[in-house]
N, C-alpha and C. Protein backbone atom coordinates (compact mmCIF):
# COMPACT_ATOMS: atom_id res chain seq x y z
N MET A 1 -25.88 -13.42 -11.42
CA MET A 1 -26.85 -13.15 -10.39
C MET A 1 -28.23 -13.49 -10.94
N ASP A 2 -28.96 -14.31 -10.21
CA ASP A 2 -30.31 -14.69 -10.61
C ASP A 2 -31.27 -13.53 -10.39
N ALA A 3 -32.37 -13.56 -11.13
CA ALA A 3 -33.39 -12.50 -10.98
C ALA A 3 -33.99 -12.60 -9.59
N PRO A 4 -34.13 -11.48 -8.91
CA PRO A 4 -34.72 -11.52 -7.57
C PRO A 4 -36.22 -11.75 -7.63
N GLN A 5 -36.71 -12.29 -6.55
CA GLN A 5 -38.16 -12.52 -6.41
C GLN A 5 -38.67 -11.46 -5.44
N ILE A 6 -39.74 -10.79 -5.83
CA ILE A 6 -40.31 -9.75 -4.97
C ILE A 6 -41.61 -10.28 -4.38
N ILE A 7 -41.70 -10.22 -3.07
CA ILE A 7 -42.87 -10.70 -2.34
C ILE A 7 -43.49 -9.52 -1.61
N LYS A 8 -44.81 -9.41 -1.67
CA LYS A 8 -45.51 -8.36 -0.95
C LYS A 8 -46.13 -8.96 0.30
N THR A 9 -45.86 -8.29 1.44
CA THR A 9 -46.43 -8.77 2.71
C THR A 9 -47.86 -8.27 2.82
N PRO A 10 -48.63 -8.82 3.76
CA PRO A 10 -50.02 -8.35 3.96
C PRO A 10 -50.09 -6.85 4.28
N THR A 11 -49.02 -6.29 4.83
CA THR A 11 -49.04 -4.85 5.15
C THR A 11 -48.62 -4.00 3.96
N GLY A 12 -48.24 -4.61 2.84
CA GLY A 12 -47.86 -3.89 1.65
C GLY A 12 -46.35 -3.70 1.48
N GLU A 13 -45.60 -4.15 2.46
CA GLU A 13 -44.14 -4.02 2.37
C GLU A 13 -43.63 -5.01 1.33
N GLU A 14 -42.69 -4.53 0.50
CA GLU A 14 -42.11 -5.40 -0.51
C GLU A 14 -40.80 -5.97 0.01
N LEU A 15 -40.64 -7.28 -0.13
CA LEU A 15 -39.43 -7.98 0.27
C LEU A 15 -38.78 -8.55 -0.99
N VAL A 16 -37.46 -8.54 -1.01
CA VAL A 16 -36.73 -9.08 -2.15
C VAL A 16 -36.05 -10.36 -1.69
N VAL A 17 -36.24 -11.43 -2.45
CA VAL A 17 -35.63 -12.72 -2.15
C VAL A 17 -34.61 -13.00 -3.25
N ILE A 18 -33.37 -13.25 -2.80
CA ILE A 18 -32.30 -13.58 -3.75
C ILE A 18 -31.60 -14.84 -3.24
N PRO A 19 -30.90 -15.55 -4.12
CA PRO A 19 -30.15 -16.72 -3.68
C PRO A 19 -29.08 -16.32 -2.66
N LYS A 20 -28.77 -17.24 -1.76
CA LYS A 20 -27.80 -16.96 -0.71
C LYS A 20 -26.44 -16.58 -1.30
N ALA A 21 -26.03 -17.23 -2.35
CA ALA A 21 -24.73 -16.92 -2.99
C ALA A 21 -24.71 -15.47 -3.47
N ASP A 22 -25.84 -15.01 -4.03
CA ASP A 22 -25.91 -13.62 -4.48
C ASP A 22 -25.86 -12.66 -3.29
N TYR A 23 -26.53 -13.02 -2.21
CA TYR A 23 -26.52 -12.21 -0.99
C TYR A 23 -25.10 -12.09 -0.44
N GLU A 24 -24.38 -13.22 -0.40
CA GLU A 24 -23.01 -13.21 0.11
C GLU A 24 -22.09 -12.40 -0.81
N ALA A 25 -22.34 -12.46 -2.12
CA ALA A 25 -21.55 -11.67 -3.06
C ALA A 25 -21.80 -10.17 -2.83
N LEU A 26 -23.03 -9.80 -2.56
CA LEU A 26 -23.35 -8.41 -2.27
C LEU A 26 -22.67 -7.95 -0.97
N LEU A 27 -22.69 -8.82 0.06
CA LEU A 27 -22.02 -8.48 1.32
C LEU A 27 -20.52 -8.28 1.10
N HIS A 28 -19.93 -9.17 0.32
CA HIS A 28 -18.50 -9.08 0.03
C HIS A 28 -18.18 -7.77 -0.71
N ALA A 29 -19.00 -7.44 -1.68
CA ALA A 29 -18.79 -6.20 -2.44
C ALA A 29 -18.93 -4.98 -1.53
N ALA A 30 -19.88 -5.03 -0.61
CA ALA A 30 -20.06 -3.91 0.32
C ALA A 30 -18.86 -3.77 1.25
N GLU A 31 -18.32 -4.90 1.73
CA GLU A 31 -17.13 -4.86 2.59
C GLU A 31 -15.94 -4.28 1.84
N GLU A 32 -15.77 -4.69 0.59
CA GLU A 32 -14.66 -4.15 -0.21
C GLU A 32 -14.84 -2.66 -0.44
N ALA A 33 -16.07 -2.21 -0.67
CA ALA A 33 -16.33 -0.79 -0.87
C ALA A 33 -15.99 0.00 0.39
N LEU A 34 -16.29 -0.56 1.56
CA LEU A 34 -15.95 0.10 2.82
C LEU A 34 -14.44 0.19 2.99
N GLU A 35 -13.73 -0.89 2.67
CA GLU A 35 -12.26 -0.88 2.75
C GLU A 35 -11.69 0.15 1.79
N ASP A 36 -12.23 0.21 0.58
CA ASP A 36 -11.76 1.19 -0.40
C ASP A 36 -12.00 2.61 0.10
N ALA A 37 -13.17 2.84 0.69
CA ALA A 37 -13.48 4.17 1.21
C ALA A 37 -12.52 4.54 2.34
N ALA A 38 -12.17 3.57 3.18
CA ALA A 38 -11.22 3.82 4.26
C ALA A 38 -9.84 4.15 3.69
N ASP A 39 -9.44 3.43 2.65
CA ASP A 39 -8.15 3.69 2.01
C ASP A 39 -8.13 5.10 1.40
N VAL A 40 -9.21 5.48 0.77
CA VAL A 40 -9.30 6.82 0.17
C VAL A 40 -9.22 7.88 1.26
N ALA A 41 -9.89 7.65 2.38
CA ALA A 41 -9.85 8.61 3.49
C ALA A 41 -8.43 8.77 4.02
N ILE A 42 -7.70 7.65 4.17
CA ILE A 42 -6.31 7.70 4.63
C ILE A 42 -5.45 8.46 3.61
N TYR A 43 -5.64 8.16 2.35
CA TYR A 43 -4.90 8.85 1.28
C TYR A 43 -5.17 10.35 1.32
N ASP A 44 -6.44 10.73 1.43
CA ASP A 44 -6.81 12.14 1.46
C ASP A 44 -6.19 12.84 2.67
N GLU A 45 -6.17 12.16 3.82
CA GLU A 45 -5.59 12.74 5.03
C GLU A 45 -4.08 12.96 4.86
N ARG A 46 -3.41 11.96 4.32
CA ARG A 46 -1.96 12.09 4.11
C ARG A 46 -1.65 13.18 3.09
N LYS A 47 -2.46 13.26 2.06
CA LYS A 47 -2.25 14.28 1.03
C LYS A 47 -2.45 15.68 1.62
N ALA A 48 -3.45 15.82 2.49
CA ALA A 48 -3.68 17.10 3.15
C ALA A 48 -2.50 17.45 4.05
N ASP A 49 -1.92 16.45 4.72
CA ASP A 49 -0.75 16.69 5.57
C ASP A 49 0.42 17.23 4.76
N LEU A 50 0.57 16.73 3.53
CA LEU A 50 1.68 17.19 2.69
C LEU A 50 1.52 18.66 2.31
N LYS A 51 0.28 19.12 2.22
CA LYS A 51 0.05 20.52 1.87
C LYS A 51 0.42 21.45 3.01
N THR A 52 0.32 20.96 4.24
CA THR A 52 0.63 21.81 5.39
C THR A 52 2.09 21.70 5.80
N GLU A 53 2.76 20.65 5.39
CA GLU A 53 4.17 20.48 5.74
C GLU A 53 5.01 20.59 4.48
N LYS A 54 6.10 21.31 4.62
CA LYS A 54 7.03 21.43 3.50
C LYS A 54 7.83 20.13 3.41
N PRO A 55 7.82 19.46 2.25
CA PRO A 55 8.55 18.19 2.13
C PRO A 55 10.06 18.40 2.16
N LEU A 56 10.76 17.38 2.57
CA LEU A 56 12.22 17.42 2.58
C LEU A 56 12.74 17.52 1.15
N PRO A 57 13.85 18.23 0.95
CA PRO A 57 14.46 18.25 -0.39
C PRO A 57 14.89 16.85 -0.82
N ALA A 58 14.89 16.61 -2.10
CA ALA A 58 15.23 15.29 -2.65
C ALA A 58 16.62 14.85 -2.23
N ASP A 59 17.58 15.78 -2.19
CA ASP A 59 18.95 15.42 -1.79
C ASP A 59 18.98 14.91 -0.36
N VAL A 60 18.18 15.51 0.51
CA VAL A 60 18.13 15.08 1.91
C VAL A 60 17.51 13.69 1.99
N THR A 61 16.42 13.50 1.28
CA THR A 61 15.75 12.19 1.29
C THR A 61 16.68 11.10 0.78
N MET A 62 17.42 11.39 -0.29
CA MET A 62 18.35 10.39 -0.83
C MET A 62 19.44 10.06 0.19
N GLU A 63 19.94 11.05 0.90
CA GLU A 63 20.98 10.82 1.91
C GLU A 63 20.42 9.96 3.05
N ILE A 64 19.18 10.19 3.43
CA ILE A 64 18.53 9.38 4.47
C ILE A 64 18.40 7.93 3.99
N LEU A 65 18.02 7.77 2.72
CA LEU A 65 17.89 6.42 2.16
C LEU A 65 19.24 5.70 2.09
N ARG A 66 20.31 6.47 2.02
CA ARG A 66 21.66 5.87 2.03
C ARG A 66 22.11 5.50 3.44
N GLY A 67 21.32 5.88 4.44
CA GLY A 67 21.64 5.46 5.81
C GLY A 67 21.96 6.57 6.78
N SER A 68 22.03 7.80 6.33
CA SER A 68 22.31 8.91 7.24
C SER A 68 21.07 9.24 8.07
N SER A 69 21.31 9.80 9.25
CA SER A 69 20.19 10.30 10.04
C SER A 69 19.66 11.56 9.35
N ARG A 70 18.47 11.96 9.72
CA ARG A 70 17.89 13.15 9.12
C ARG A 70 18.77 14.38 9.41
N LEU A 71 19.22 14.50 10.67
CA LEU A 71 20.03 15.66 11.03
C LEU A 71 21.32 15.70 10.22
N LYS A 72 21.98 14.58 10.09
CA LYS A 72 23.22 14.53 9.31
C LYS A 72 22.95 14.88 7.85
N ALA A 73 21.87 14.35 7.30
CA ALA A 73 21.52 14.64 5.90
C ALA A 73 21.24 16.13 5.71
N LEU A 74 20.55 16.74 6.68
CA LEU A 74 20.27 18.17 6.58
C LEU A 74 21.56 18.99 6.68
N ARG A 75 22.44 18.60 7.58
CA ARG A 75 23.72 19.31 7.73
C ARG A 75 24.53 19.22 6.44
N LYS A 76 24.62 18.03 5.87
CA LYS A 76 25.37 17.85 4.63
C LYS A 76 24.74 18.64 3.49
N TRP A 77 23.41 18.67 3.47
CA TRP A 77 22.68 19.41 2.43
C TRP A 77 23.03 20.89 2.50
N ARG A 78 23.23 21.39 3.72
CA ARG A 78 23.61 22.79 3.91
C ARG A 78 25.13 22.99 3.79
N ARG A 79 25.84 21.91 3.47
CA ARG A 79 27.29 21.94 3.27
C ARG A 79 28.02 22.50 4.49
N MET A 80 27.65 21.98 5.64
CA MET A 80 28.30 22.37 6.89
C MET A 80 29.01 21.16 7.48
N THR A 81 30.10 21.40 8.15
CA THR A 81 30.77 20.33 8.88
C THR A 81 30.13 20.24 10.27
N GLN A 82 30.40 19.14 10.95
CA GLN A 82 29.91 19.01 12.32
C GLN A 82 30.46 20.14 13.18
N ALA A 83 31.73 20.44 13.01
CA ALA A 83 32.37 21.49 13.81
C ALA A 83 31.71 22.84 13.57
N GLU A 84 31.40 23.15 12.31
CA GLU A 84 30.77 24.44 12.00
C GLU A 84 29.38 24.53 12.64
N LEU A 85 28.60 23.48 12.48
CA LEU A 85 27.24 23.51 13.04
C LEU A 85 27.28 23.53 14.56
N ALA A 86 28.16 22.75 15.16
CA ALA A 86 28.27 22.72 16.61
C ALA A 86 28.64 24.10 17.15
N THR A 87 29.59 24.76 16.51
CA THR A 87 30.00 26.10 16.93
C THR A 87 28.85 27.09 16.77
N THR A 88 28.11 26.98 15.68
CA THR A 88 27.00 27.90 15.41
C THR A 88 25.93 27.82 16.49
N ILE A 89 25.65 26.60 16.97
CA ILE A 89 24.58 26.47 17.97
C ILE A 89 25.11 26.40 19.40
N GLY A 90 26.43 26.43 19.54
CA GLY A 90 27.02 26.49 20.88
C GLY A 90 27.06 25.17 21.63
N VAL A 91 27.31 24.08 20.91
CA VAL A 91 27.46 22.77 21.57
C VAL A 91 28.78 22.16 21.10
N SER A 92 29.19 21.10 21.75
CA SER A 92 30.42 20.44 21.32
C SER A 92 30.17 19.59 20.08
N GLN A 93 31.25 19.34 19.35
CA GLN A 93 31.14 18.49 18.17
C GLN A 93 30.72 17.08 18.58
N GLY A 94 31.21 16.61 19.73
CA GLY A 94 30.83 15.28 20.22
C GLY A 94 29.34 15.18 20.50
N PHE A 95 28.78 16.25 21.10
CA PHE A 95 27.34 16.26 21.36
C PHE A 95 26.56 16.22 20.05
N LEU A 96 26.99 17.01 19.07
CA LEU A 96 26.32 17.00 17.77
C LEU A 96 26.43 15.63 17.12
N SER A 97 27.59 15.00 17.26
CA SER A 97 27.77 13.65 16.73
C SER A 97 26.77 12.68 17.37
N ASP A 98 26.59 12.82 18.69
CA ASP A 98 25.61 11.97 19.39
C ASP A 98 24.19 12.21 18.87
N LEU A 99 23.86 13.47 18.56
CA LEU A 99 22.54 13.77 18.00
C LEU A 99 22.38 13.15 16.62
N GLU A 100 23.42 13.28 15.81
CA GLU A 100 23.35 12.74 14.45
C GLU A 100 23.26 11.22 14.42
N SER A 101 23.86 10.58 15.41
CA SER A 101 23.84 9.11 15.43
C SER A 101 22.68 8.58 16.28
N ASN A 102 21.81 9.48 16.72
CA ASN A 102 20.63 9.15 17.52
C ASN A 102 20.97 8.52 18.87
N ARG A 103 22.19 8.75 19.36
CA ARG A 103 22.53 8.30 20.71
C ARG A 103 21.91 9.23 21.76
N ARG A 104 21.63 10.45 21.34
CA ARG A 104 20.97 11.44 22.20
C ARG A 104 19.87 12.11 21.40
N LYS A 105 18.88 12.62 22.11
CA LYS A 105 17.79 13.35 21.48
C LYS A 105 17.93 14.83 21.82
N PRO A 106 17.69 15.71 20.86
CA PRO A 106 17.82 17.14 21.15
C PRO A 106 16.65 17.64 21.99
N SER A 107 16.93 18.61 22.84
CA SER A 107 15.85 19.26 23.58
C SER A 107 15.09 20.15 22.60
N ALA A 108 13.97 20.68 23.03
CA ALA A 108 13.20 21.59 22.17
C ALA A 108 14.04 22.81 21.81
N GLN A 109 14.80 23.31 22.79
CA GLN A 109 15.64 24.48 22.55
C GLN A 109 16.75 24.15 21.53
N THR A 110 17.39 23.01 21.69
CA THR A 110 18.44 22.61 20.75
C THR A 110 17.86 22.39 19.36
N SER A 111 16.68 21.78 19.28
CA SER A 111 16.02 21.58 17.99
C SER A 111 15.76 22.92 17.31
N ALA A 112 15.29 23.89 18.08
CA ALA A 112 15.02 25.22 17.53
C ALA A 112 16.31 25.87 17.02
N MET A 113 17.40 25.72 17.79
CA MET A 113 18.68 26.30 17.36
C MET A 113 19.19 25.61 16.10
N LEU A 114 19.03 24.29 16.02
CA LEU A 114 19.45 23.56 14.82
C LEU A 114 18.65 24.02 13.60
N ALA A 115 17.34 24.15 13.77
CA ALA A 115 16.49 24.58 12.66
C ALA A 115 16.90 25.97 12.18
N LYS A 116 17.18 26.86 13.12
CA LYS A 116 17.59 28.22 12.75
C LYS A 116 18.95 28.21 12.05
N ALA A 117 19.90 27.47 12.61
CA ALA A 117 21.25 27.41 12.02
C ALA A 117 21.24 26.80 10.63
N LEU A 118 20.37 25.82 10.42
CA LEU A 118 20.29 25.15 9.12
C LEU A 118 19.30 25.83 8.18
N ASP A 119 18.58 26.84 8.70
CA ASP A 119 17.57 27.58 7.92
C ASP A 119 16.54 26.62 7.32
N ILE A 120 15.92 25.86 8.22
CA ILE A 120 14.92 24.87 7.80
C ILE A 120 13.70 24.97 8.71
N PRO A 121 12.56 24.43 8.28
CA PRO A 121 11.38 24.39 9.16
C PRO A 121 11.67 23.54 10.40
N GLY A 122 11.16 23.96 11.53
CA GLY A 122 11.40 23.25 12.79
C GLY A 122 10.95 21.80 12.77
N GLN A 123 9.87 21.49 12.05
CA GLN A 123 9.37 20.10 12.06
C GLN A 123 10.32 19.14 11.33
N TRP A 124 11.30 19.67 10.60
CA TRP A 124 12.27 18.79 9.97
C TRP A 124 13.25 18.20 10.96
N ILE A 125 13.40 18.82 12.12
CA ILE A 125 14.30 18.30 13.14
C ILE A 125 13.54 17.28 13.97
N GLU A 126 14.02 16.07 13.98
CA GLU A 126 13.38 15.02 14.78
C GLU A 126 13.69 15.27 16.23
N SER A 127 12.66 15.26 17.07
CA SER A 127 12.91 15.45 18.50
C SER A 127 12.52 14.22 19.27
């Protein structure tokens, strides 16, 4: 970066003159700083979200990564069969199978019953 030239106007205001390449480099650095600040804000927001939500157990996450739905992974984590869970919440095994395979979505009431039966936070049940 070349040394800037300072010019004083008749009103006493000081102006700084720099080469155009230096000006463009400063603009680029400012844009990158804004992008970095936005990234930090997103990171901070997501980190705050993690403090308010209980994360899924590692075993559940691994089962989801292997291809299971969240509901199926949670049921397996609790070592329940489809028949046991279906009986506990008062639905058919076929209906529970449809929920686990995402062919059907649970109602708010069904989600609440699933969360209670599995002894998990309600937000873990996808609705």
